Amino acid sequence: MDYARRDLLIFSVYLRELGSHQRVRETEDGIVTTTTTTAFSFRSPDYEWHSIRYLKAEDARRILECRDNERAGVSVLYSSPSRDKASGTGYLQAHYFTPADLLVTKAERDRFEREHNVNLASGRLANAWRWLCDATNQKALAIIGSVLTALSVGGWTVYSALATKVLSP
């Protein structure tokens, strides 16, 4: 959440343009199903639809702070990561999002990792890769490589000697 608050990482959302979308929610009186069908689409020579829309830092923070069953309304989304006035799209009615709706594009993740020297990947593979790429570990890697080479050469020599003894009359 701190990355969003300080506008260090640009969060985005995916918006559907055309088609039917159904939302089911439970109320005290029962289950309510809402189906929305978009039947109109605007096109012009200089218009291009962007499914990925970017959020201002304040909006991303508000969405991340939502509790379970809460959604935050956003009335301005952006079609480019620069989030300038030219790429902004205002909506008469706000779009509502939960933390699960937030995305970070691969391009944004790569930019963030490069600029802030961090790795957002998780798990053992990411930790191993970080360790392998760390310049302070190059001496240890050279020693490990030398030991593996020596063991391989020694093993091959022993194998060759044994194979020669077994195969000779």
N, C-alpha and C. Protein backbone atom coordinates (compact mmCIF):
# COMPACT_ATOMS: atom_id res chain seq x y z
N MET A 1 0.82 -1.18 0.00
CA MET A 1 0.00 0.00 0.00
C MET A 1 0.87 1.25 0.00
N ASP A 2 2.03 1.16 0.62
CA ASP A 2 2.93 2.30 0.67
C ASP A 2 3.39 2.69 -0.72
N TYR A 3 3.63 1.70 -1.60
CA TYR A 3 4.03 1.99 -2.98
C TYR A 3 2.95 2.80 -3.69
N ALA A 4 1.70 2.48 -3.45
CA ALA A 4 0.59 3.21 -4.07
C ALA A 4 0.50 4.61 -3.48
N ARG A 5 0.57 4.72 -2.16
CA ARG A 5 0.43 6.01 -1.49
C ARG A 5 1.49 7.00 -1.96
N ARG A 6 2.72 6.53 -2.12
CA ARG A 6 3.82 7.40 -2.53
C ARG A 6 3.96 7.50 -4.06
N ASP A 7 3.05 6.86 -4.79
CA ASP A 7 3.03 6.89 -6.25
C ASP A 7 4.33 6.34 -6.85
N LEU A 8 4.87 5.31 -6.22
CA LEU A 8 6.08 4.67 -6.72
C LEU A 8 5.74 3.56 -7.71
N LEU A 9 4.60 2.91 -7.51
CA LEU A 9 4.16 1.82 -8.36
C LEU A 9 2.78 2.19 -8.90
N ILE A 10 2.63 2.17 -10.22
CA ILE A 10 1.38 2.61 -10.84
C ILE A 10 0.46 1.41 -11.00
N PHE A 11 -0.65 1.44 -10.29
CA PHE A 11 -1.64 0.37 -10.36
C PHE A 11 -2.61 0.64 -11.50
N SER A 12 -3.19 -0.43 -12.02
CA SER A 12 -4.14 -0.32 -13.11
C SER A 12 -5.29 -1.28 -12.87
N VAL A 13 -6.30 -1.17 -13.72
CA VAL A 13 -7.47 -2.06 -13.68
C VAL A 13 -7.80 -2.46 -15.10
N TYR A 14 -8.54 -3.55 -15.24
CA TYR A 14 -8.99 -4.01 -16.55
C TYR A 14 -10.46 -3.65 -16.70
N LEU A 15 -10.79 -2.95 -17.77
CA LEU A 15 -12.18 -2.59 -18.05
C LEU A 15 -12.67 -3.33 -19.28
N ARG A 16 -13.84 -3.89 -19.17
CA ARG A 16 -14.46 -4.54 -20.32
C ARG A 16 -15.19 -3.48 -21.12
N GLU A 17 -15.16 -3.63 -22.44
CA GLU A 17 -15.81 -2.62 -23.26
C GLU A 17 -17.21 -3.07 -23.69
N LEU A 18 -17.30 -4.13 -24.47
CA LEU A 18 -18.58 -4.56 -25.01
C LEU A 18 -18.97 -5.92 -24.49
N GLY A 19 -20.24 -6.23 -24.56
CA GLY A 19 -20.71 -7.56 -24.19
C GLY A 19 -21.61 -7.53 -22.98
N SER A 20 -21.99 -8.70 -22.54
CA SER A 20 -22.84 -8.84 -21.37
C SER A 20 -22.00 -9.25 -20.17
N HIS A 21 -22.27 -8.63 -19.06
CA HIS A 21 -21.56 -8.93 -17.83
C HIS A 21 -22.59 -9.11 -16.73
N GLN A 22 -22.41 -10.14 -15.95
CA GLN A 22 -23.38 -10.45 -14.91
C GLN A 22 -22.70 -10.39 -13.55
N ARG A 23 -23.40 -9.79 -12.60
CA ARG A 23 -22.90 -9.70 -11.24
C ARG A 23 -23.96 -10.28 -10.32
N VAL A 24 -23.56 -11.15 -9.44
CA VAL A 24 -24.48 -11.78 -8.50
C VAL A 24 -24.05 -11.38 -7.09
N ARG A 25 -25.03 -10.91 -6.30
CA ARG A 25 -24.71 -10.56 -4.92
C ARG A 25 -25.87 -11.00 -4.02
N GLU A 26 -25.51 -11.28 -2.79
CA GLU A 26 -26.53 -11.71 -1.83
C GLU A 26 -26.96 -10.54 -0.97
N THR A 27 -28.26 -10.45 -0.74
CA THR A 27 -28.81 -9.43 0.16
C THR A 27 -29.59 -10.15 1.25
N GLU A 28 -30.14 -9.40 2.17
CA GLU A 28 -30.94 -10.01 3.24
C GLU A 28 -32.19 -10.67 2.67
N ASP A 29 -32.71 -10.12 1.58
CA ASP A 29 -33.94 -10.64 0.98
C ASP A 29 -33.71 -11.79 0.00
N GLY A 30 -32.47 -12.01 -0.38
CA GLY A 30 -32.18 -13.09 -1.34
C GLY A 30 -30.99 -12.74 -2.21
N ILE A 31 -30.95 -13.33 -3.37
CA ILE A 31 -29.85 -13.13 -4.30
C ILE A 31 -30.29 -12.18 -5.41
N VAL A 32 -29.45 -11.17 -5.68
CA VAL A 32 -29.74 -10.20 -6.73
C VAL A 32 -28.75 -10.42 -7.87
N THR A 33 -29.27 -10.61 -9.06
CA THR A 33 -28.43 -10.77 -10.24
C THR A 33 -28.63 -9.56 -11.13
N THR A 34 -27.53 -8.89 -11.46
CA THR A 34 -27.58 -7.73 -12.33
C THR A 34 -26.83 -8.06 -13.61
N THR A 35 -27.48 -7.93 -14.75
CA THR A 35 -26.84 -8.17 -16.04
C THR A 35 -26.74 -6.84 -16.77
N THR A 36 -25.55 -6.50 -17.19
CA THR A 36 -25.31 -5.26 -17.92
C THR A 36 -24.89 -5.62 -19.33
N THR A 37 -25.55 -5.04 -20.31
CA THR A 37 -25.20 -5.28 -21.71
C THR A 37 -24.81 -3.96 -22.33
N THR A 38 -23.62 -3.90 -22.90
CA THR A 38 -23.17 -2.71 -23.60
C THR A 38 -23.42 -2.94 -25.08
N ALA A 39 -24.27 -2.11 -25.68
CA ALA A 39 -24.63 -2.31 -27.07
C ALA A 39 -24.11 -1.19 -27.96
N PHE A 40 -23.51 -0.18 -27.39
CA PHE A 40 -23.06 0.96 -28.16
C PHE A 40 -21.57 1.15 -27.94
N SER A 41 -20.85 1.45 -29.01
CA SER A 41 -19.42 1.69 -28.91
C SER A 41 -19.07 2.85 -29.83
N PHE A 42 -18.28 3.79 -29.35
CA PHE A 42 -17.87 4.95 -30.13
C PHE A 42 -16.56 4.66 -30.84
N ARG A 43 -16.47 4.98 -32.11
CA ARG A 43 -15.24 4.80 -32.87
C ARG A 43 -15.00 6.04 -33.74
N SER A 44 -13.77 6.46 -33.80
CA SER A 44 -13.35 7.52 -34.71
C SER A 44 -11.92 7.21 -35.14
N PRO A 45 -11.43 7.84 -36.20
CA PRO A 45 -10.08 7.50 -36.69
C PRO A 45 -8.97 7.65 -35.65
N ASP A 46 -9.10 8.60 -34.73
CA ASP A 46 -8.03 8.81 -33.75
C ASP A 46 -8.37 8.21 -32.37
N TYR A 47 -9.41 7.39 -32.30
CA TYR A 47 -9.82 6.79 -31.04
C TYR A 47 -9.35 5.34 -30.97
N GLU A 48 -8.81 4.98 -29.84
CA GLU A 48 -8.39 3.59 -29.62
C GLU A 48 -8.82 3.17 -28.21
N TRP A 49 -9.49 2.02 -28.11
CA TRP A 49 -9.94 1.52 -26.81
C TRP A 49 -8.77 0.88 -26.07
N HIS A 50 -8.63 1.23 -24.81
CA HIS A 50 -7.59 0.65 -23.96
C HIS A 50 -8.28 -0.10 -22.82
N SER A 51 -8.13 -1.41 -22.78
CA SER A 51 -8.76 -2.20 -21.73
C SER A 51 -8.08 -1.99 -20.39
N ILE A 52 -6.78 -1.75 -20.42
CA ILE A 52 -6.05 -1.48 -19.19
C ILE A 52 -6.11 0.01 -18.94
N ARG A 53 -6.59 0.38 -17.76
CA ARG A 53 -6.69 1.79 -17.36
C ARG A 53 -5.88 1.98 -16.09
N TYR A 54 -5.21 3.11 -16.01
CA TYR A 54 -4.29 3.39 -14.90
C TYR A 54 -4.95 4.29 -13.88
N LEU A 55 -4.54 4.12 -12.63
CA LEU A 55 -5.14 4.85 -11.52
C LEU A 55 -4.16 5.87 -10.94
N LYS A 56 -4.71 6.97 -10.45
CA LYS A 56 -3.91 7.91 -9.67
C LYS A 56 -3.56 7.25 -8.34
N ALA A 57 -2.49 7.69 -7.72
CA ALA A 57 -2.01 7.10 -6.47
C ALA A 57 -3.08 7.12 -5.39
N GLU A 58 -3.79 8.22 -5.26
CA GLU A 58 -4.82 8.34 -4.23
C GLU A 58 -5.94 7.33 -4.42
N ASP A 59 -6.35 7.12 -5.67
CA ASP A 59 -7.41 6.14 -5.95
C ASP A 59 -6.95 4.72 -5.66
N ALA A 60 -5.72 4.39 -6.06
CA ALA A 60 -5.18 3.05 -5.79
C ALA A 60 -5.10 2.81 -4.28
N ARG A 61 -4.67 3.82 -3.54
CA ARG A 61 -4.59 3.68 -2.08
C ARG A 61 -5.97 3.45 -1.47
N ARG A 62 -6.97 4.21 -1.92
CA ARG A 62 -8.33 4.03 -1.39
C ARG A 62 -8.86 2.64 -1.67
N ILE A 63 -8.57 2.12 -2.87
CA ILE A 63 -9.02 0.77 -3.22
C ILE A 63 -8.32 -0.25 -2.34
N LEU A 64 -7.02 -0.10 -2.15
CA LEU A 64 -6.27 -1.05 -1.31
C LEU A 64 -6.73 -1.03 0.14
N GLU A 65 -7.26 0.09 0.60
CA GLU A 65 -7.74 0.19 1.98
C GLU A 65 -9.15 -0.36 2.18
N CYS A 66 -9.81 -0.78 1.11
CA CYS A 66 -11.17 -1.33 1.23
C CYS A 66 -11.17 -2.57 2.10
N ARG A 67 -12.19 -2.67 2.93
CA ARG A 67 -12.40 -3.87 3.73
C ARG A 67 -13.15 -4.90 2.89
N ASP A 68 -13.32 -6.10 3.45
CA ASP A 68 -14.11 -7.11 2.76
C ASP A 68 -15.49 -6.55 2.45
N ASN A 69 -15.99 -6.86 1.28
CA ASN A 69 -17.31 -6.43 0.82
C ASN A 69 -17.41 -4.92 0.60
N GLU A 70 -16.30 -4.22 0.53
CA GLU A 70 -16.30 -2.79 0.21
C GLU A 70 -15.69 -2.59 -1.17
N ARG A 71 -16.14 -1.53 -1.84
CA ARG A 71 -15.57 -1.15 -3.12
C ARG A 71 -15.37 0.37 -3.10
N ALA A 72 -14.31 0.81 -3.76
CA ALA A 72 -14.04 2.25 -3.84
C ALA A 72 -14.40 2.76 -5.23
N GLY A 73 -15.07 3.90 -5.27
CA GLY A 73 -15.47 4.49 -6.54
C GLY A 73 -14.37 5.34 -7.14
N VAL A 74 -14.17 5.20 -8.44
CA VAL A 74 -13.17 5.99 -9.17
C VAL A 74 -13.85 6.57 -10.39
N SER A 75 -13.80 7.89 -10.54
CA SER A 75 -14.48 8.51 -11.67
C SER A 75 -13.54 8.96 -12.78
N VAL A 76 -12.23 8.93 -12.54
CA VAL A 76 -11.27 9.28 -13.59
C VAL A 76 -10.23 8.17 -13.69
N LEU A 77 -10.12 7.59 -14.88
CA LEU A 77 -9.10 6.58 -15.17
C LEU A 77 -8.26 7.09 -16.33
N TYR A 78 -7.10 6.49 -16.54
CA TYR A 78 -6.17 6.98 -17.55
C TYR A 78 -5.78 5.86 -18.51
N SER A 79 -5.61 6.20 -19.78
CA SER A 79 -5.26 5.19 -20.78
C SER A 79 -3.75 5.03 -20.96
N SER A 80 -2.95 5.81 -20.24
CA SER A 80 -1.49 5.65 -20.30
C SER A 80 -0.91 5.78 -18.90
N PRO A 81 0.24 5.18 -18.67
CA PRO A 81 0.85 5.24 -17.33
C PRO A 81 1.24 6.66 -16.91
N SER A 82 1.36 7.58 -17.87
CA SER A 82 1.72 8.96 -17.50
C SER A 82 0.60 9.64 -16.72
N ARG A 83 -0.62 9.16 -16.89
CA ARG A 83 -1.80 9.64 -16.18
C ARG A 83 -1.91 11.16 -16.26
N ASP A 84 -1.77 11.67 -17.48
CA ASP A 84 -1.90 13.10 -17.72
C ASP A 84 -3.31 13.42 -18.18
N LYS A 85 -3.58 14.71 -18.31
CA LYS A 85 -4.93 15.15 -18.67
C LYS A 85 -5.37 14.59 -20.03
N ALA A 86 -4.44 14.50 -20.99
CA ALA A 86 -4.78 14.01 -22.33
C ALA A 86 -5.19 12.54 -22.33
N SER A 87 -4.67 11.75 -21.40
CA SER A 87 -5.01 10.32 -21.36
C SER A 87 -6.12 10.02 -20.36
N GLY A 88 -6.63 11.04 -19.70
CA GLY A 88 -7.67 10.84 -18.69
C GLY A 88 -9.03 10.66 -19.31
N THR A 89 -9.82 9.80 -18.72
CA THR A 89 -11.19 9.56 -19.16
C THR A 89 -12.09 9.71 -17.94
N GLY A 90 -12.90 10.74 -17.94
CA GLY A 90 -13.83 10.94 -16.85
C GLY A 90 -15.12 10.19 -17.12
N TYR A 91 -15.75 9.69 -16.08
CA TYR A 91 -16.99 8.95 -16.22
C TYR A 91 -18.08 9.66 -15.42
N LEU A 92 -19.27 9.73 -16.02
CA LEU A 92 -20.39 10.35 -15.35
C LEU A 92 -20.71 9.59 -14.06
N GLN A 93 -20.70 8.27 -14.15
CA GLN A 93 -20.88 7.43 -12.98
C GLN A 93 -19.55 6.76 -12.67
N ALA A 94 -19.21 6.72 -11.41
CA ALA A 94 -17.93 6.13 -11.01
C ALA A 94 -17.92 4.63 -11.26
N HIS A 95 -16.74 4.09 -11.53
CA HIS A 95 -16.53 2.65 -11.56
C HIS A 95 -16.10 2.26 -10.15
N TYR A 96 -16.56 1.10 -9.69
CA TYR A 96 -16.24 0.65 -8.34
C TYR A 96 -15.30 -0.55 -8.40
N PHE A 97 -14.26 -0.52 -7.56
CA PHE A 97 -13.24 -1.56 -7.58
C PHE A 97 -12.93 -2.06 -6.18
N THR A 98 -12.49 -3.32 -6.13
CA THR A 98 -12.00 -3.92 -4.89
C THR A 98 -10.49 -4.13 -5.05
N PRO A 99 -9.78 -4.43 -3.97
CA PRO A 99 -8.34 -4.70 -4.10
C PRO A 99 -8.03 -5.83 -5.09
N ALA A 100 -8.94 -6.79 -5.23
CA ALA A 100 -8.72 -7.90 -6.16
C ALA A 100 -8.74 -7.44 -7.62
N ASP A 101 -9.32 -6.28 -7.90
CA ASP A 101 -9.38 -5.76 -9.26
C ASP A 101 -8.08 -5.09 -9.71
N LEU A 102 -7.20 -4.78 -8.76
CA LEU A 102 -5.97 -4.04 -9.10
C LEU A 102 -4.96 -4.92 -9.80
N LEU A 103 -4.28 -4.34 -10.77
CA LEU A 103 -3.25 -5.02 -11.54
C LEU A 103 -1.98 -4.16 -11.55
N VAL A 104 -0.88 -4.82 -11.82
CA VAL A 104 0.36 -4.12 -12.13
C VAL A 104 0.84 -4.73 -13.44
N THR A 105 0.94 -3.91 -14.49
CA THR A 105 1.34 -4.44 -15.78
C THR A 105 2.80 -4.89 -15.73
N LYS A 106 3.18 -5.78 -16.63
CA LYS A 106 4.56 -6.27 -16.67
C LYS A 106 5.52 -5.11 -16.93
N ALA A 107 5.15 -4.22 -17.84
CA ALA A 107 6.01 -3.06 -18.14
C ALA A 107 6.21 -2.20 -16.90
N GLU A 108 5.14 -2.01 -16.11
CA GLU A 108 5.25 -1.21 -14.89
C GLU A 108 6.09 -1.92 -13.85
N ARG A 109 5.90 -3.23 -13.72
CA ARG A 109 6.72 -4.00 -12.76
C ARG A 109 8.20 -3.91 -13.12
N ASP A 110 8.51 -4.08 -14.41
CA ASP A 110 9.90 -4.00 -14.86
C ASP A 110 10.48 -2.62 -14.60
N ARG A 111 9.71 -1.56 -14.88
CA ARG A 111 10.17 -0.19 -14.62
C ARG A 111 10.45 0.02 -13.14
N PHE A 112 9.54 -0.42 -12.31
CA PHE A 112 9.68 -0.27 -10.87
C PHE A 112 10.92 -1.00 -10.35
N GLU A 113 11.08 -2.25 -10.78
CA GLU A 113 12.24 -3.04 -10.33
C GLU A 113 13.55 -2.39 -10.75
N ARG A 114 13.58 -1.86 -11.97
CA ARG A 114 14.79 -1.23 -12.49
C ARG A 114 15.10 0.07 -11.73
N GLU A 115 14.09 0.92 -11.54
CA GLU A 115 14.31 2.22 -10.90
C GLU A 115 14.58 2.11 -9.41
N HIS A 116 14.01 1.12 -8.74
CA HIS A 116 14.13 1.02 -7.28
C HIS A 116 15.00 -0.15 -6.83
N ASN A 117 15.59 -0.85 -7.79
CA ASN A 117 16.51 -1.95 -7.51
C ASN A 117 15.90 -2.97 -6.54
N VAL A 118 14.68 -3.40 -6.87
CA VAL A 118 14.00 -4.44 -6.09
C VAL A 118 13.48 -5.50 -7.03
N ASN A 119 13.15 -6.66 -6.48
CA ASN A 119 12.57 -7.74 -7.26
C ASN A 119 11.23 -8.09 -6.63
N LEU A 120 10.15 -7.89 -7.38
CA LEU A 120 8.82 -8.15 -6.85
C LEU A 120 8.40 -9.60 -6.97
N ALA A 121 9.21 -10.41 -7.66
CA ALA A 121 8.88 -11.84 -7.78
C ALA A 121 9.03 -12.48 -6.41
N SER A 122 8.32 -13.57 -6.20
CA SER A 122 8.40 -14.24 -4.91
C SER A 122 8.72 -15.71 -5.10
N GLY A 123 9.07 -16.36 -4.03
CA GLY A 123 9.33 -17.78 -4.07
C GLY A 123 10.80 -18.12 -4.10
N ARG A 124 11.08 -19.42 -4.09
CA ARG A 124 12.45 -19.90 -4.03
C ARG A 124 13.24 -19.55 -5.28
N LEU A 125 12.60 -19.66 -6.45
CA LEU A 125 13.30 -19.37 -7.69
C LEU A 125 13.75 -17.91 -7.72
N ALA A 126 12.89 -17.00 -7.29
CA ALA A 126 13.26 -15.58 -7.26
C ALA A 126 14.41 -15.35 -6.29
N ASN A 127 14.36 -15.98 -5.14
CA ASN A 127 15.45 -15.83 -4.16
C ASN A 127 16.75 -16.38 -4.71
N ALA A 128 16.68 -17.53 -5.38
CA ALA A 128 17.88 -18.12 -5.98
C ALA A 128 18.44 -17.21 -7.06
N TRP A 129 17.55 -16.67 -7.89
CA TRP A 129 18.01 -15.79 -8.96
C TRP A 129 18.65 -14.53 -8.39
N ARG A 130 18.05 -13.94 -7.34
CA ARG A 130 18.65 -12.77 -6.69
C ARG A 130 20.03 -13.09 -6.17
N TRP A 131 20.19 -14.29 -5.54
CA TRP A 131 21.47 -14.69 -4.99
C TRP A 131 22.49 -14.85 -6.10
N LEU A 132 22.08 -15.49 -7.20
CA LEU A 132 23.00 -15.70 -8.32
C LEU A 132 23.42 -14.38 -8.98
N CYS A 133 22.54 -13.40 -9.00
CA CYS A 133 22.85 -12.11 -9.66
C CYS A 133 23.62 -11.15 -8.77
N ASP A 134 23.66 -11.43 -7.49
CA ASP A 134 24.33 -10.53 -6.55
C ASP A 134 25.84 -10.58 -6.77
N ALA A 135 26.44 -9.41 -6.99
CA ALA A 135 27.88 -9.33 -7.28
C ALA A 135 28.73 -9.84 -6.12
N THR A 136 28.24 -9.72 -4.89
CA THR A 136 29.03 -10.18 -3.74
C THR A 136 29.13 -11.70 -3.68
N ASN A 137 28.29 -12.40 -4.43
CA ASN A 137 28.32 -13.86 -4.43
C ASN A 137 29.15 -14.45 -5.57
N GLN A 138 29.75 -13.61 -6.39
CA GLN A 138 30.49 -14.11 -7.55
C GLN A 138 31.70 -14.95 -7.15
N LYS A 139 32.37 -14.59 -6.06
CA LYS A 139 33.52 -15.38 -5.60
C LYS A 139 33.06 -16.77 -5.17
N ALA A 140 31.95 -16.83 -4.43
CA ALA A 140 31.41 -18.12 -3.99
C ALA A 140 30.99 -18.96 -5.20
N LEU A 141 30.38 -18.32 -6.19
CA LEU A 141 29.99 -19.05 -7.40
C LEU A 141 31.21 -19.58 -8.15
N ALA A 142 32.29 -18.80 -8.19
CA ALA A 142 33.52 -19.26 -8.86
C ALA A 142 34.10 -20.47 -8.14
N ILE A 143 34.09 -20.46 -6.80
CA ILE A 143 34.60 -21.60 -6.02
C ILE A 143 33.72 -22.82 -6.26
N ILE A 144 32.40 -22.64 -6.22
CA ILE A 144 31.48 -23.76 -6.46
C ILE A 144 31.69 -24.32 -7.86
N GLY A 145 31.85 -23.45 -8.85
CA GLY A 145 32.10 -23.89 -10.21
C GLY A 145 33.40 -24.66 -10.34
N SER A 146 34.46 -24.20 -9.66
CA SER A 146 35.75 -24.90 -9.69
C SER A 146 35.65 -26.27 -9.05
N VAL A 147 34.95 -26.36 -7.92
CA VAL A 147 34.78 -27.64 -7.23
C VAL A 147 34.00 -28.61 -8.11
N LEU A 148 32.91 -28.14 -8.72
CA LEU A 148 32.12 -29.01 -9.60
C LEU A 148 32.93 -29.48 -10.81
N THR A 149 33.75 -28.59 -11.35
CA THR A 149 34.60 -28.97 -12.49
C THR A 149 35.61 -30.02 -12.06
N ALA A 150 36.26 -29.82 -10.91
CA ALA A 150 37.24 -30.78 -10.42
C ALA A 150 36.59 -32.14 -10.15
N LEU A 151 35.40 -32.13 -9.55
CA LEU A 151 34.70 -33.39 -9.29
C LEU A 151 34.32 -34.09 -10.60
N SER A 152 33.89 -33.32 -11.59
CA SER A 152 33.53 -33.90 -12.88
C SER A 152 34.74 -34.51 -13.57
N VAL A 153 35.86 -33.80 -13.57
CA VAL A 153 37.08 -34.31 -14.20
C VAL A 153 37.57 -35.55 -13.46
N GLY A 154 37.58 -35.50 -12.12
CA GLY A 154 37.99 -36.65 -11.32
C GLY A 154 37.09 -37.85 -11.54
N GLY A 155 35.79 -37.61 -11.58
CA GLY A 155 34.83 -38.69 -11.82
C GLY A 155 35.02 -39.30 -13.19
N TRP A 156 35.26 -38.47 -14.21
CA TRP A 156 35.48 -38.97 -15.55
C TRP A 156 36.77 -39.79 -15.62
N THR A 157 37.80 -39.34 -14.93
CA THR A 157 39.08 -40.06 -14.92
C THR A 157 38.91 -41.44 -14.29
N VAL A 158 38.23 -41.52 -13.15
CA VAL A 158 37.99 -42.79 -12.48
C VAL A 158 37.14 -43.69 -13.37
N TYR A 159 36.09 -43.16 -13.95
CA TYR A 159 35.22 -43.93 -14.83
C TYR A 159 36.01 -44.48 -16.03
N SER A 160 36.82 -43.64 -16.64
CA SER A 160 37.64 -44.08 -17.79
C SER A 160 38.60 -45.20 -17.39
N ALA A 161 39.23 -45.06 -16.23
CA ALA A 161 40.19 -46.08 -15.77
C ALA A 161 39.46 -47.41 -15.52
N LEU A 162 38.31 -47.34 -14.85
CA LEU A 162 37.55 -48.55 -14.58
C LEU A 162 37.02 -49.19 -15.87
N ALA A 163 36.57 -48.38 -16.79
CA ALA A 163 36.06 -48.89 -18.05
C ALA A 163 37.17 -49.55 -18.86
N THR A 164 38.36 -48.97 -18.82
CA THR A 164 39.49 -49.54 -19.54
C THR A 164 39.87 -50.89 -18.94
N LYS A 165 39.87 -51.02 -17.59
CA LYS A 165 40.22 -52.27 -16.91
C LYS A 165 39.20 -53.34 -17.24
N VAL A 166 37.93 -53.00 -17.23
CA VAL A 166 36.87 -53.97 -17.45
C VAL A 166 36.88 -54.45 -18.90
N LEU A 167 37.16 -53.57 -19.84
CA LEU A 167 37.10 -53.92 -21.24
C LEU A 167 38.40 -54.57 -21.77
N SER A 168 39.53 -54.40 -21.07
CA SER A 168 40.78 -55.00 -21.55
C SER A 168 40.84 -56.48 -21.18
N PRO A 169 41.42 -57.33 -22.11
CA PRO A 169 41.47 -58.78 -21.86
C PRO A 169 42.45 -59.18 -20.83
